[in-house]
PDB file of N, CA and C in Angstrom:
ATOM      1  N   UNK A   1       0.444  -1.223  -0.155  1.00  0.00           N
ATOM      2  CA  UNK A   1      -0.198   0.010   0.028  1.00  0.00           C
ATOM      3  C   UNK A   1       0.557   1.414   0.053  1.00  0.00           C
ATOM      4  N   UNK A   2       0.308   2.589  -0.952  1.00  0.00           N
ATOM      5  CA  UNK A   2       0.903   3.690  -0.557  1.00  0.00           C
ATOM      6  C   UNK A   2       0.974   5.197   0.319  1.00  0.00           C
ATOM      7  N   UNK A   3       1.118   4.590   1.767  1.00  0.00           N
ATOM      8  CA  UNK A   3       0.932   5.530   2.620  1.00  0.00           C
ATOM      9  C   UNK A   3       0.883   6.439   3.023  1.00  0.00           C
ATOM     10  N   UNK A   4       2.130   7.227   1.969  1.00  0.00           N
ATOM     11  CA  UNK A   4       2.591   8.145   1.929  1.00  0.00           C
ATOM     12  C   UNK A   4       1.384   8.940   0.373  1.00  0.00           C
ATOM     13  N   UNK A   5       1.117   8.207  -0.316  1.00  0.00           N
ATOM     14  CA  UNK A   5      -0.396   8.864  -0.860  1.00  0.00           C
ATOM     15  C   UNK A   5      -1.232   9.173  -0.512  1.00  0.00           C
ATOM     16  N   UNK A   6      -1.862   7.880   0.271  1.00  0.00           N
ATOM     17  CA  UNK A   6      -2.934   8.118   1.006  1.00  0.00           C
ATOM     18  C   UNK A   6      -3.129   8.920   2.517  1.00  0.00           C
ATOM     19  N   UNK A   7      -2.017   9.949   3.043  1.00  0.00           N
ATOM     20  CA  UNK A   7      -1.652  10.056   3.895  1.00  0.00           C
ATOM     21  C   UNK A   7      -1.902  11.334   3.228  1.00  0.00           C
ATOM     22  N   UNK A   8      -1.388  12.264   2.041  1.00  0.00           N
ATOM     23  CA  UNK A   8      -1.424  13.202   1.814  1.00  0.00           C
ATOM     24  C   UNK A   8      -3.186  13.748   1.611  1.00  0.00           C
ATOM     25  N   UNK A   9      -3.737  11.875   0.931  1.00  0.00           N
ATOM     26  CA  UNK A   9      -5.238  12.142   0.360  1.00  0.00           C
ATOM     27  C   UNK A   9      -5.733  12.458   1.197  1.00  0.00           C
ATOM     28  N   UNK A  10      -6.137  11.737   2.422  1.00  0.00           N
ATOM     29  CA  UNK A  10      -6.334  12.803   3.552  1.00  0.00           C
ATOM     30  C   UNK A  10      -6.393  13.236   4.401  1.00  0.00           C
ATOM     31  N   UNK A  11      -5.334  13.990   4.369  1.00  0.00           N
ATOM     32  CA  UNK A  11      -4.599  15.563   5.078  1.00  0.00           C
ATOM     33  C   UNK A  11      -5.201  17.162   4.504  1.00  0.00           C
ATOM     34  N   UNK A  12      -4.644  16.700   3.444  1.00  0.00           N
ATOM     35  CA  UNK A  12      -4.617  18.102   2.410  1.00  0.00           C
ATOM     36  C   UNK A  12      -5.049  18.896   2.605  1.00  0.00           C
ATOM     37  N   UNK A  13      -6.861  18.762   2.819  1.00  0.00           N
ATOM     38  CA  UNK A  13      -7.583  19.397   2.494  1.00  0.00           C
ATOM     39  C   UNK A  13      -8.578  19.338   3.846  1.00  0.00           C
ATOM     40  N   UNK A  14      -7.444  19.291   4.878  1.00  0.00           N
ATOM     41  CA  UNK A  14      -8.460  19.246   6.065  1.00  0.00           C
ATOM     42  C   UNK A  14      -7.083  19.410   7.087  1.00  0.00           C
ATOM     43  N   UNK A  15      -6.000  19.026   7.100  1.00  0.00           N
ATOM     44  CA  UNK A  15      -5.575  19.017   8.269  1.00  0.00           C
ATOM     45  C   UNK A  15      -4.578  20.160   8.518  1.00  0.00           C
ATOM     46  N   UNK A  16      -3.954  20.415   7.252  1.00  0.00           N
ATOM     47  CA  UNK A  16      -2.804  20.947   7.258  1.00  0.00           C
ATOM     48  C   UNK A  16      -3.007  21.726   6.930  1.00  0.00           C
ATOM     49  N   UNK A  17      -4.377  22.381   6.075  1.00  0.00           N
ATOM     50  CA  UNK A  17      -4.673  24.249   6.398  1.00  0.00           C
ATOM     51  C   UNK A  17      -4.818  24.508   7.933  1.00  0.00           C
ATOM     52  N   UNK A  18      -6.060  23.286   8.358  1.00  0.00           N
ATOM     53  CA  UNK A  18      -5.577  24.156  10.078  1.00  0.00           C
ATOM     54  C   UNK A  18      -4.299  23.760  10.917  1.00  0.00           C
ATOM     55  N   UNK A  19      -3.308  23.134  10.693  1.00  0.00           N
ATOM     56  CA  UNK A  19      -1.883  23.524  10.707  1.00  0.00           C
ATOM     57  C   UNK A  19      -1.162  24.525   9.936  1.00  0.00           C
ATOM     58  N   UNK A  20      -1.764  25.605   9.254  1.00  0.00           N
ATOM     59  CA  UNK A  20      -0.909  25.895   8.389  1.00  0.00           C
ATOM     60  C   UNK A  20      -0.905  27.345   8.717  1.00  0.00           C
ATOM     61  N   UNK A  21      -2.500  27.795   9.654  1.00  0.00           N
ATOM     62  CA  UNK A  21      -3.114  28.450  10.207  1.00  0.00           C
ATOM     63  C   UNK A  21      -2.155  28.295  11.489  1.00  0.00           C
ATOM     64  N   UNK A  22      -2.522  27.466  11.926  1.00  0.00           N
ATOM     65  CA  UNK A  22      -2.181  28.424  13.584  1.00  0.00           C
ATOM     66  C   UNK A  22      -0.596  28.445  13.557  1.00  0.00           C
ATOM     67  N   UNK A  23      -0.168  27.340  12.750  1.00  0.00           N
ATOM     68  CA  UNK A  23       1.999  27.732  12.298  1.00  0.00           C
ATOM     69  C   UNK A  23       1.712  29.112  12.719  1.00  0.00           C
ATOM     70  N   UNK A  24       1.636  29.842  11.190  1.00  0.00           N
ATOM     71  CA  UNK A  24       1.547  31.456  10.801  1.00  0.00           C
ATOM     72  C   UNK A  24       1.438  32.329  11.907  1.00  0.00           C
ATOM     73  N   UNK A  25      -0.565  31.602  11.976  1.00  0.00           N
ATOM     74  CA  UNK A  25      -0.149  32.831  14.107  1.00  0.00           C
ATOM     75  C   UNK A  25       1.152  32.383  14.991  1.00  0.00           C
ATOM     76  N   UNK A  26       1.270  31.437  14.885  1.00  0.00           N
ATOM     77  CA  UNK A  26       2.458  30.845  15.863  1.00  0.00           C
ATOM     78  C   UNK A  26       3.671  31.843  15.385  1.00  0.00           C
ATOM     79  N   UNK A  27       3.886  32.308  14.509  1.00  0.00           N
ATOM     80  CA  UNK A  27       5.318  33.208  13.926  1.00  0.00           C
ATOM     81  C   UNK A  27       5.493  32.573  13.171  1.00  0.00           C
ATOM     82  N   UNK A  28       5.245  31.404  12.198  1.00  0.00           N
ATOM     83  CA  UNK A  28       5.681  30.152  12.179  1.00  0.00           C
ATOM     84  C   UNK A  28       6.972  29.328  12.971  1.00  0.00           C
ATOM     85  N   UNK A  29       6.811  29.176  14.207  1.00  0.00           N
ATOM     86  CA  UNK A  29       7.806  28.492  15.077  1.00  0.00           C
ATOM     87  C   UNK A  29       6.552  27.232  15.733  1.00  0.00           C
ATOM     88  N   UNK A  30       7.096  25.641  15.570  1.00  0.00           N
ATOM     89  CA  UNK A  30       6.328  25.045  16.164  1.00  0.00           C
ATOM     90  C   UNK A  30       7.116  24.806  17.309  1.00  0.00           C
ATOM     91  N   UNK A  31       7.444  25.424  17.997  1.00  0.00           N
ATOM     92  CA  UNK A  31       7.096  25.820  19.416  1.00  0.00           C
ATOM     93  C   UNK A  31       6.231  26.078  20.204  1.00  0.00           C
ATOM     94  N   UNK A  32       5.645  27.251  19.628  1.00  0.00           N
ATOM     95  CA  UNK A  32       4.952  28.127  20.189  1.00  0.00           C
ATOM     96  C   UNK A  32       3.707  27.275  19.659  1.00  0.00           C
ATOM     97  N   UNK A  33       2.925  27.027  18.543  1.00  0.00           N
ATOM     98  CA  UNK A  33       1.973  26.720  17.350  1.00  0.00           C
ATOM     99  C   UNK A  33       2.231  25.421  19.044  1.00  0.00           C
ATOM    100  N   UNK A  34       3.119  24.662  19.603  1.00  0.00           N
ATOM    101  CA  UNK A  34       3.081  22.856  19.908  1.00  0.00           C
ATOM    102  C   UNK A  34       2.201  23.943  21.269  1.00  0.00           C
ATOM    103  N   UNK A  35       2.822  24.486  22.234  1.00  0.00           N
ATOM    104  CA  UNK A  35       2.302  25.357  23.106  1.00  0.00           C
ATOM    105  C   UNK A  35       0.930  25.886  23.341  1.00  0.00           C
ATOM    106  N   UNK A  36       1.195  26.091  22.257  1.00  0.00           N
ATOM    107  CA  UNK A  36      -0.874  26.626  22.394  1.00  0.00           C
ATOM    108  C   UNK A  36      -1.356  25.576  21.728  1.00  0.00           C
ATOM    109  N   UNK A  37      -1.026  25.034  20.668  1.00  0.00           N
ATOM    110  CA  UNK A  37      -2.353  24.192  20.533  1.00  0.00           C
ATOM    111  C   UNK A  37      -2.043  22.596  21.094  1.00  0.00           C
ATOM    112  N   UNK A  38      -0.749  22.454  21.773  1.00  0.00           N
ATOM    113  CA  UNK A  38      -0.406  20.946  22.118  1.00  0.00           C
ATOM    114  C   UNK A  38      -1.768  20.638  22.853  1.00  0.00           C
ATOM    115  N   UNK A  39      -2.017  21.107  23.189  1.00  0.00           N
ATOM    116  CA  UNK A  39      -3.284  19.783  24.415  1.00  0.00           C
ATOM    117  C   UNK A  39      -4.437  20.193  24.528  1.00  0.00           C
ATOM    118  N   UNK A  40      -5.264  20.000  22.945  1.00  0.00           N
ATOM    119  CA  UNK A  40      -6.089  19.421  22.733  1.00  0.00           C
ATOM    120  C   UNK A  40      -7.245  18.572  22.757  1.00  0.00           C
ATOM    121  N   UNK A  41      -8.709  17.947  22.680  1.00  0.00           N
ATOM    122  CA  UNK A  41      -8.801  17.110  22.596  1.00  0.00           C
ATOM    123  C   UNK A  41      -8.443  16.620  20.462  1.00  0.00           C
ATOM    124  N   UNK A  42      -8.355  16.807  19.991  1.00  0.00           N
ATOM    125  CA  UNK A  42      -7.416  16.445  18.728  1.00  0.00           C
ATOM    126  C   UNK A  42      -5.825  16.488  18.514  1.00  0.00           C
ATOM    127  N   UNK A  43      -5.267  17.072  19.777  1.00  0.00           N
ATOM    128  CA  UNK A  43      -3.944  17.171  18.778  1.00  0.00           C
ATOM    129  C   UNK A  43      -2.709  17.061  20.687  1.00  0.00           C
ATOM    130  N   UNK A  44      -1.944  16.085  20.433  1.00  0.00           N
ATOM    131  CA  UNK A  44      -1.659  15.930  21.649  1.00  0.00           C
ATOM    132  C   UNK A  44       0.065  16.339  21.116  1.00  0.00           C
ATOM    133  N   UNK A  45       0.716  17.685  21.498  1.00  0.00           N
ATOM    134  CA  UNK A  45       1.896  18.178  20.755  1.00  0.00           C
ATOM    135  C   UNK A  45       3.232  18.939  22.322  1.00  0.00           C
ATOM    136  N   UNK A  46       3.962  18.344  22.258  1.00  0.00           N
ATOM    137  CA  UNK A  46       5.290  18.516  23.923  1.00  0.00           C
ATOM    138  C   UNK A  46       6.759  19.169  23.032  1.00  0.00           C
ATOM    139  N   UNK A  47       7.039  19.855  23.291  1.00  0.00           N
ATOM    140  CA  UNK A  47       8.199  20.284  22.748  1.00  0.00           C
ATOM    141  C   UNK A  47       9.892  19.426  23.437  1.00  0.00           C
ATOM    142  N   UNK A  48      10.350  19.353  23.125  1.00  0.00           N
ATOM    143  CA  UNK A  48      10.707  18.029  23.602  1.00  0.00           C
ATOM    144  C   UNK A  48      12.615  18.272  23.542  1.00  0.00           C
ATOM    145  N   UNK A  49      13.064  18.986  22.486  1.00  0.00           N
ATOM    146  CA  UNK A  49      14.416  20.030  22.580  1.00  0.00           C
ATOM    147  C   UNK A  49      13.581  20.818  21.643  1.00  0.00           C
ATOM    148  N   UNK A  50      13.603  22.780  21.771  1.00  0.00           N
ATOM    149  CA  UNK A  50      13.271  23.390  21.478  1.00  0.00           C
ATOM    150  C   UNK A  50      13.467  23.103  19.687  1.00  0.00           C
ATOM    151  N   UNK A  51      12.727  23.056  18.584  1.00  0.00           N
ATOM    152  CA  UNK A  51      13.586  23.723  17.452  1.00  0.00           C
ATOM    153  C   UNK A  51      13.864  22.709  16.818  1.00  0.00           C
ATOM    154  N   UNK A  52      14.060  20.910  18.027  1.00  0.00           N
ATOM    155  CA  UNK A  52      14.563  20.102  17.405  1.00  0.00           C
ATOM    156  C   UNK A  52      14.262  19.001  17.256  1.00  0.00           C
ATOM    157  N   UNK A  53      13.589  18.898  18.573  1.00  0.00           N
ATOM    158  CA  UNK A  53      12.643  16.885  18.682  1.00  0.00           C
ATOM    159  C   UNK A  53      11.211  17.413  19.254  1.00  0.00           C
ATOM    160  N   UNK A  54      10.330  17.076  18.644  1.00  0.00           N
ATOM    161  CA  UNK A  54       9.448  16.819  19.275  1.00  0.00           C
ATOM    162  C   UNK A  54       8.469  16.048  19.527  1.00  0.00           C
ATOM    163  N   UNK A  55       6.977  15.423  20.580  1.00  0.00           N
ATOM    164  CA  UNK A  55       6.308  14.135  20.380  1.00  0.00           C
ATOM    165  C   UNK A  55       4.870  14.790  20.408  1.00  0.00           C
ATOM    166  N   UNK A  56       4.904  14.338  18.583  1.00  0.00           N
ATOM    167  CA  UNK A  56       3.073  14.012  18.863  1.00  0.00           C
ATOM    168  C   UNK A  56       2.363  14.075  18.494  1.00  0.00           C
ATOM    169  N   UNK A  57       1.210  13.844  18.689  1.00  0.00           N
ATOM    170  CA  UNK A  57      -0.205  12.578  18.675  1.00  0.00           C
ATOM    171  C   UNK A  57      -1.509  12.622  18.685  1.00  0.00           C
ATOM    172  N   UNK A  58      -2.502  12.260  18.741  1.00  0.00           N
ATOM    173  CA  UNK A  58      -3.598  11.962  19.209  1.00  0.00           C
ATOM    174  C   UNK A  58      -4.078  11.143  20.706  1.00  0.00           C
ATOM    175  N   UNK A  59      -5.117  12.330  21.060  1.00  0.00           N
ATOM    176  CA  UNK A  59      -5.163  11.441  22.214  1.00  0.00           C
ATOM    177  C   UNK A  59      -6.268  10.079  21.625  1.00  0.00           C
ATOM    178  N   UNK A  60      -6.337   9.947  20.963  1.00  0.00           N
ATOM    179  CA  UNK A  60      -7.343   8.769  19.914  1.00  0.00           C
ATOM    180  C   UNK A  60      -7.195   8.521  18.946  1.00  0.00           C
ATOM    181  N   UNK A  61      -7.547   7.581  18.018  1.00  0.00           N
ATOM    182  CA  UNK A  61      -7.220   6.943  16.649  1.00  0.00           C
ATOM    183  C   UNK A  61      -8.303   8.060  16.109  1.00  0.00           C
ATOM    184  N   UNK A  62      -7.891   8.480  14.636  1.00  0.00           N
ATOM    185  CA  UNK A  62      -8.816   9.428  14.420  1.00  0.00           C
ATOM    186  C   UNK A  62      -9.039   8.964  13.088  1.00  0.00           C
ATOM    187  N   UNK A  63      -8.290   7.161  12.649  1.00  0.00           N
ATOM    188  CA  UNK A  63      -8.484   7.833  11.574  1.00  0.00           C
ATOM    189  C   UNK A  63      -9.507   6.946  11.013  1.00  0.00           C
ATOM    190  N   UNK A  64     -10.397   6.918   9.607  1.00  0.00           N
ATOM    191  CA  UNK A  64     -11.550   7.009   9.887  1.00  0.00           C
ATOM    192  C   UNK A  64     -12.139   5.305   9.206  1.00  0.00           C
ATOM    193  N   UNK A  65     -10.931   4.624   8.646  1.00  0.00           N
ATOM    194  CA  UNK A  65     -10.791   3.733   8.259  1.00  0.00           C
ATOM    195  C   UNK A  65     -11.082   2.161   9.569  1.00  0.00           C
ATOM    196  N   UNK A  66      -9.410   3.011  10.446  1.00  0.00           N
ATOM    197  CA  UNK A  66      -9.941   1.577  12.077  1.00  0.00           C
ATOM    198  C   UNK A  66     -10.824   2.139  12.783  1.00  0.00           C
ATOM    199  N   UNK A  67     -11.591   3.934  12.972  1.00  0.00           N
ATOM    200  CA  UNK A  67     -12.236   3.659  13.568  1.00  0.00           C
ATOM    201  C   UNK A  67     -13.930   2.308  12.798  1.00  0.00           C
ATOM    202  N   UNK A  68     -13.873   2.752  11.946  1.00  0.00           N
ATOM    203  CA  UNK A  68     -15.206   1.838  10.712  1.00  0.00           C
ATOM    204  C   UNK A  68     -14.750   0.537  11.307  1.00  0.00           C
ATOM    205  N   UNK A  69     -13.669  -0.782  12.036  1.00  0.00           N
ATOM    206  CA  UNK A  69     -13.541  -1.311  11.446  1.00  0.00           C
ATOM    207  C   UNK A  69     -12.987  -1.977  10.499  1.00  0.00           C
ATOM    208  N   UNK A  70     -12.534  -1.604  10.037  1.00  0.00           N
ATOM    209  CA  UNK A  70     -12.320  -1.404   8.133  1.00  0.00           C
ATOM    210  C   UNK A  70     -10.657  -2.111   8.334  1.00  0.00           C
ATOM    211  N   UNK A  71     -10.440  -1.427   9.048  1.00  0.00           N
ATOM    212  CA  UNK A  71      -8.597  -1.698   8.895  1.00  0.00           C
ATOM    213  C   UNK A  71      -8.763  -2.158  10.729  1.00  0.00           C
ATOM    214  N   UNK A  72      -7.460  -3.102  10.363  1.00  0.00           N
ATOM    215  CA  UNK A  72      -7.017  -3.587  11.931  1.00  0.00           C
ATOM    216  C   UNK A  72      -5.589  -3.853  11.841  1.00  0.00           C
ATOM    217  N   UNK A  73      -4.682  -3.873  10.827  1.00  0.00           N
ATOM    218  CA  UNK A  73      -3.701  -4.240  11.116  1.00  0.00           C
ATOM    219  C   UNK A  73      -2.888  -3.309  11.529  1.00  0.00           C
ATOM    220  N   UNK A  74      -1.552  -3.178  12.254  1.00  0.00           N
ATOM    221  CA  UNK A  74      -0.851  -1.946  12.725  1.00  0.00           C
ATOM    222  C   UNK A  74       0.194  -1.354  11.562  1.00  0.00           C
ATOM    223  N   UNK A  75       0.615  -1.778  10.287  1.00  0.00           N
ATOM    224  CA  UNK A  75       0.814  -1.859   9.599  1.00  0.00           C
ATOM    225  C   UNK A  75      -0.140  -0.467   9.338  1.00  0.00           C
ATOM    226  N   UNK A  76      -0.903  -0.007   8.923  1.00  0.00           N
ATOM    227  CA  UNK A  76      -1.723   0.631   8.663  1.00  0.00           C
ATOM    228  C   UNK A  76      -1.152   2.556   9.390  1.00  0.00           C
ATOM    229  N   UNK A  77      -0.525   2.104  10.597  1.00  0.00           N
ATOM    230  CA  UNK A  77      -0.611   3.472  11.200  1.00  0.00           C
ATOM    231  C   UNK A  77       0.575   4.323  10.463  1.00  0.00           C
ATOM    232  N   UNK A  78       1.066   3.588   9.943  1.00  0.00           N
ATOM    233  CA  UNK A  78       2.065   3.303   8.415  1.00  0.00           C
ATOM    234  C   UNK A  78       1.612   5.012   8.110  1.00  0.00           C
ATOM    235  N   UNK A  79       0.364   5.319   7.627  1.00  0.00           N
ATOM    236  CA  UNK A  79      -0.428   6.065   7.422  1.00  0.00           C
ATOM    237  C   UNK A  79      -0.171   7.513   7.975  1.00  0.00           C
ATOM    238  N   UNK A  80      -0.465   7.473   9.194  1.00  0.00           N
ATOM    239  CA  UNK A  80      -0.923   7.844  10.005  1.00  0.00           C
ATOM    240  C   UNK A  80       0.715   8.998  10.236  1.00  0.00           C
ATOM    241  N   UNK A  81       1.442   8.166  10.053  1.00  0.00           N
ATOM    242  CA  UNK A  81       2.904   8.475  10.505  1.00  0.00           C
ATOM    243  C   UNK A  81       3.424   9.855   8.842  1.00  0.00           C
ATOM    244  N   UNK A  82       3.638   9.081   8.527  1.00  0.00           N
ATOM    245  CA  UNK A  82       3.931  10.181   6.829  1.00  0.00           C
ATOM    246  C   UNK A  82       2.705  11.268   7.127  1.00  0.00           C
ATOM    247  N   UNK A  83       1.167  11.294   7.319  1.00  0.00           N
ATOM    248  CA  UNK A  83       0.436  12.201   7.161  1.00  0.00           C
ATOM    249  C   UNK A  83       1.178  13.574   7.985  1.00  0.00           C
ATOM    250  N   UNK A  84       1.808  13.015   9.392  1.00  0.00           N
ATOM    251  CA  UNK A  84       2.912  13.623  10.482  1.00  0.00           C
ATOM    252  C   UNK A  84       3.458  14.333   9.249  1.00  0.00           C
ATOM    253  N   UNK A  85       4.577  13.376   8.990  1.00  0.00           N
ATOM    254  CA  UNK A  85       5.187  13.880   7.455  1.00  0.00           C
ATOM    255  C   UNK A  85       5.317  14.556   6.656  1.00  0.00           C
ATOM    256  N   UNK A  86       4.146  14.691   5.946  1.00  0.00           N
ATOM    257  CA  UNK A  86       4.169  15.645   4.931  1.00  0.00           C
ATOM    258  C   UNK A  86       3.875  16.470   5.798  1.00  0.00           C
ATOM    259  N   UNK A  87       3.101  16.600   6.462  1.00  0.00           N
ATOM    260  CA  UNK A  87       2.641  18.183   7.314  1.00  0.00           C
ATOM    261  C   UNK A  87       3.434  19.062   7.519  1.00  0.00           C
ATOM    262  N   UNK A  88       4.368  18.692   8.460  1.00  0.00           N
ATOM    263  CA  UNK A  88       5.281  19.101   9.011  1.00  0.00           C
ATOM    264  C   UNK A  88       5.888  19.152   7.959  1.00  0.00           C
ATOM    265  N   UNK A  89       6.636  18.553   6.869  1.00  0.00           N
ATOM    266  CA  UNK A  89       7.217  18.960   4.921  1.00  0.00           C
ATOM    267  C   UNK A  89       6.986  20.074   4.261  1.00  0.00           C
ATOM    268  N   UNK A  90       5.586  20.087   4.063  1.00  0.00           N
ATOM    269  CA  UNK A  90       4.932  21.696   4.348  1.00  0.00           C
ATOM    270  C   UNK A  90       4.738  22.693   4.700  1.00  0.00           C
ATOM    271  N   UNK A  91       5.100  22.748   6.757  1.00  0.00           N
ATOM    272  CA  UNK A  91       5.440  24.330   6.735  1.00  0.00           C
ATOM    273  C   UNK A  91       6.484  24.340   6.937  1.00  0.00           C
ATOM    274  N   UNK A  92       7.855  23.711   6.661  1.00  0.00           N
ATOM    275  CA  UNK A  92       8.921  23.659   6.292  1.00  0.00           C
ATOM    276  C   UNK A  92       9.918  23.024   5.824  1.00  0.00           C
ATOM    277  N   UNK A  93       9.760  23.382   4.880  1.00  0.00           N
ATOM    278  CA  UNK A  93       9.585  23.175   3.484  1.00  0.00           C
ATOM    279  C   UNK A  93      11.243  22.665   3.684  1.00  0.00           C
ATOM    280  N   UNK A  94      12.448  23.908   4.098  1.00  0.00           N
ATOM    281  CA  UNK A  94      13.735  23.574   3.826  1.00  0.00           C
ATOM    282  C   UNK A  94      14.538  22.872   5.123  1.00  0.00           C
ATOM    283  N   UNK A  95      13.554  22.241   6.302  1.00  0.00           N
ATOM    284  CA  UNK A  95      14.288  21.215   6.474  1.00  0.00           C
ATOM    285  C   UNK A  95      13.943  19.838   6.249  1.00  0.00           C
ATOM    286  N   UNK A  96      15.002  19.251   6.722  1.00  0.00           N
ATOM    287  CA  UNK A  96      15.181  17.611   7.307  1.00  0.00           C
ATOM    288  C   UNK A  96      14.437  17.590   8.193  1.00  0.00           C
ATOM    289  N   UNK A  97      13.306  16.440   8.048  1.00  0.00           N
ATOM    290  CA  UNK A  97      12.133  15.989   9.067  1.00  0.00           C
ATOM    291  C   UNK A  97      12.210  14.631   9.081  1.00  0.00           C
ATOM    292  N   UNK A  98      12.507  14.143  10.031  1.00  0.00           N
ATOM    293  CA  UNK A  98      11.986  12.635  10.188  1.00  0.00           C
ATOM    294  C   UNK A  98      11.389  12.366  11.532  1.00  0.00           C
ATOM    295  N   UNK A  99       9.834  11.562  10.558  1.00  0.00           N
ATOM    296  CA  UNK A  99       8.772  10.774  12.278  1.00  0.00           C
ATOM    297  C   UNK A  99       8.734   9.780  12.500  1.00  0.00           C
ATOM    298  N   UNK A 100       9.090   9.003  13.689  1.00  0.00           N
ATOM    299  CA  UNK A 100       8.753   7.829  13.776  1.00  0.00           C
ATOM    300  C   UNK A 100       7.609   7.427  14.929  1.00  0.00           C
ATOM    301  N   UNK A 101       7.625   6.532  14.678  1.00  0.00           N
ATOM    302  CA  UNK A 101       5.589   5.718  15.689  1.00  0.00           C
ATOM    303  C   UNK A 101       6.798   5.996  16.404  1.00  0.00           C
ATOM    304  N   UNK A 102       6.048   6.084  18.303  1.00  0.00           N
ATOM    305  CA  UNK A 102       6.357   5.808  19.515  1.00  0.00           C
ATOM    306  C   UNK A 102       5.368   4.543  19.893  1.00  0.00           C
ATOM    307  N   UNK A 103       3.951   4.742  19.666  1.00  0.00           N
ATOM    308  CA  UNK A 103       3.081   4.194  19.740  1.00  0.00           C
ATOM    309  C   UNK A 103       1.654   4.082  19.393  1.00  0.00           C
ATOM    310  N   UNK A 104       0.579   3.152  18.788  1.00  0.00           N
ATOM    311  CA  UNK A 104      -0.499   3.640  18.364  1.00  0.00           C
ATOM    312  C   UNK A 104      -1.420   2.877  18.693  1.00  0.00           C
ATOM    313  N   UNK A 105      -2.524   3.328  18.299  1.00  0.00           N
ATOM    314  CA  UNK A 105      -3.794   3.086  19.156  1.00  0.00           C
ATOM    315  C   UNK A 105      -3.970   0.887  18.948  1.00  0.00           C
ATOM    316  N   UNK A 106      -3.497   1.322  17.523  1.00  0.00           N
ATOM    317  CA  UNK A 106      -3.270   0.130  16.675  1.00  0.00           C
ATOM    318  C   UNK A 106      -2.570  -1.496  17.422  1.00  0.00           C
ATOM    319  N   UNK A 107      -1.201  -0.406  17.949  1.00  0.00           N
ATOM    320  CA  UNK A 107      -0.135  -1.139  18.731  1.00  0.00           C
ATOM    321  C   UNK A 107      -0.948  -1.621  19.964  1.00  0.00           C
ATOM    322  N   UNK A 108      -1.797  -1.526  20.812  1.00  0.00           N
ATOM    323  CA  UNK A 108      -2.132  -1.785  21.605  1.00  0.00           C
ATOM    324  C   UNK A 108      -1.985  -0.049  22.926  1.00  0.00           C
ATOM    325  N   UNK A 109      -1.450   0.613  22.524  1.00  0.00           N
ATOM    326  CA  UNK A 109      -1.838   2.282  23.171  1.00  0.00           C
ATOM    327  C   UNK A 109      -2.973   2.381  23.735  1.00  0.00           C
ATOM    328  N   UNK A 110      -3.149   3.251  24.038  1.00  0.00           N
ATOM    329  CA  UNK A 110      -4.236   4.408  24.819  1.00  0.00           C
ATOM    330  C   UNK A 110      -4.042   4.971  23.471  1.00  0.00           C
ATOM    331  N   UNK A 111      -3.359   5.752  23.271  1.00  0.00           N
ATOM    332  CA  UNK A 111      -2.782   7.201  21.827  1.00  0.00           C
ATOM    333  C   UNK A 111      -1.483   6.419  21.066  1.00  0.00           C
ATOM    334  N   UNK A 112      -1.813   7.357  20.155  1.00  0.00           N
ATOM    335  CA  UNK A 112      -0.990   7.509  18.877  1.00  0.00           C
ATOM    336  C   UNK A 112      -0.087   8.793  19.483  1.00  0.00           C
ATOM    337  N   UNK A 113       1.662   8.090  19.238  1.00  0.00           N
ATOM    338  CA  UNK A 113       2.401   9.129  19.488  1.00  0.00           C
ATOM    339  C   UNK A 113       3.627   9.227  18.183  1.00  0.00           C
ATOM    340  N   UNK A 114       4.114   9.982  17.646  1.00  0.00           N
ATOM    341  CA  UNK A 114       5.011   9.973  17.339  1.00  0.00           C
ATOM    342  C   UNK A 114       6.095  10.741  17.166  1.00  0.00           C
ATOM    343  N   UNK A 115       7.775   9.807  17.071  1.00  0.00           N
ATOM    344  CA  UNK A 115       8.456  11.649  17.411  1.00  0.00           C
ATOM    345  C   UNK A 115       9.537  12.133  16.210  1.00  0.00           C
ATOM    346  N   UNK A 116       8.956  13.532  16.468  1.00  0.00           N
ATOM    347  CA  UNK A 116       9.801  14.622  15.170  1.00  0.00           C
ATOM    348  C   UNK A 116      10.548  14.600  16.070  1.00  0.00           C
ATOM    349  N   UNK A 117      11.515  14.326  14.403  1.00  0.00           N
ATOM    350  CA  UNK A 117      13.386  15.162  14.563  1.00  0.00           C
ATOM    351  C   UNK A 117      13.571  16.097  13.427  1.00  0.00           C
ATOM    352  N   UNK A 118      13.492  17.616  13.781  1.00  0.00           N
ATOM    353  CA  UNK A 118      13.773  18.363  13.198  1.00  0.00           C
ATOM    354  C   UNK A 118      14.964  18.818  12.919  1.00  0.00           C
ATOM    355  N   UNK A 119      15.707  18.925  11.469  1.00  0.00           N
ATOM    356  CA  UNK A 119      17.089  19.164  11.756  1.00  0.00           C
ATOM    357  C   UNK A 119      17.863  20.514  10.285  1.00  0.00           C
TER     358      UNK A 119
END
């Protein structure tokens, strides 16, 4: 499965515009964006090392395919990892960004978390 394409299709007209507006409102700073918007019912985000390392995720699984029961395989969480990567690459096009899965609901956790490294 091409999770990159699936992720882009999922977030390009929904989550991306919201994240972009928040990012711009916060002076194009992930640190400030995550401090202001990082503890909501839809997003968990915290600054681990300012300007460099972040932990972001969701308090619950937000994938319609998972919520409907259509998808149960943990490999599908690669789609979420790719959506986080796509959004951050759009916000920070001149940076090298890596996103790693920490844990996910499909993997047995209570929430979904990703480690983001910005270089």
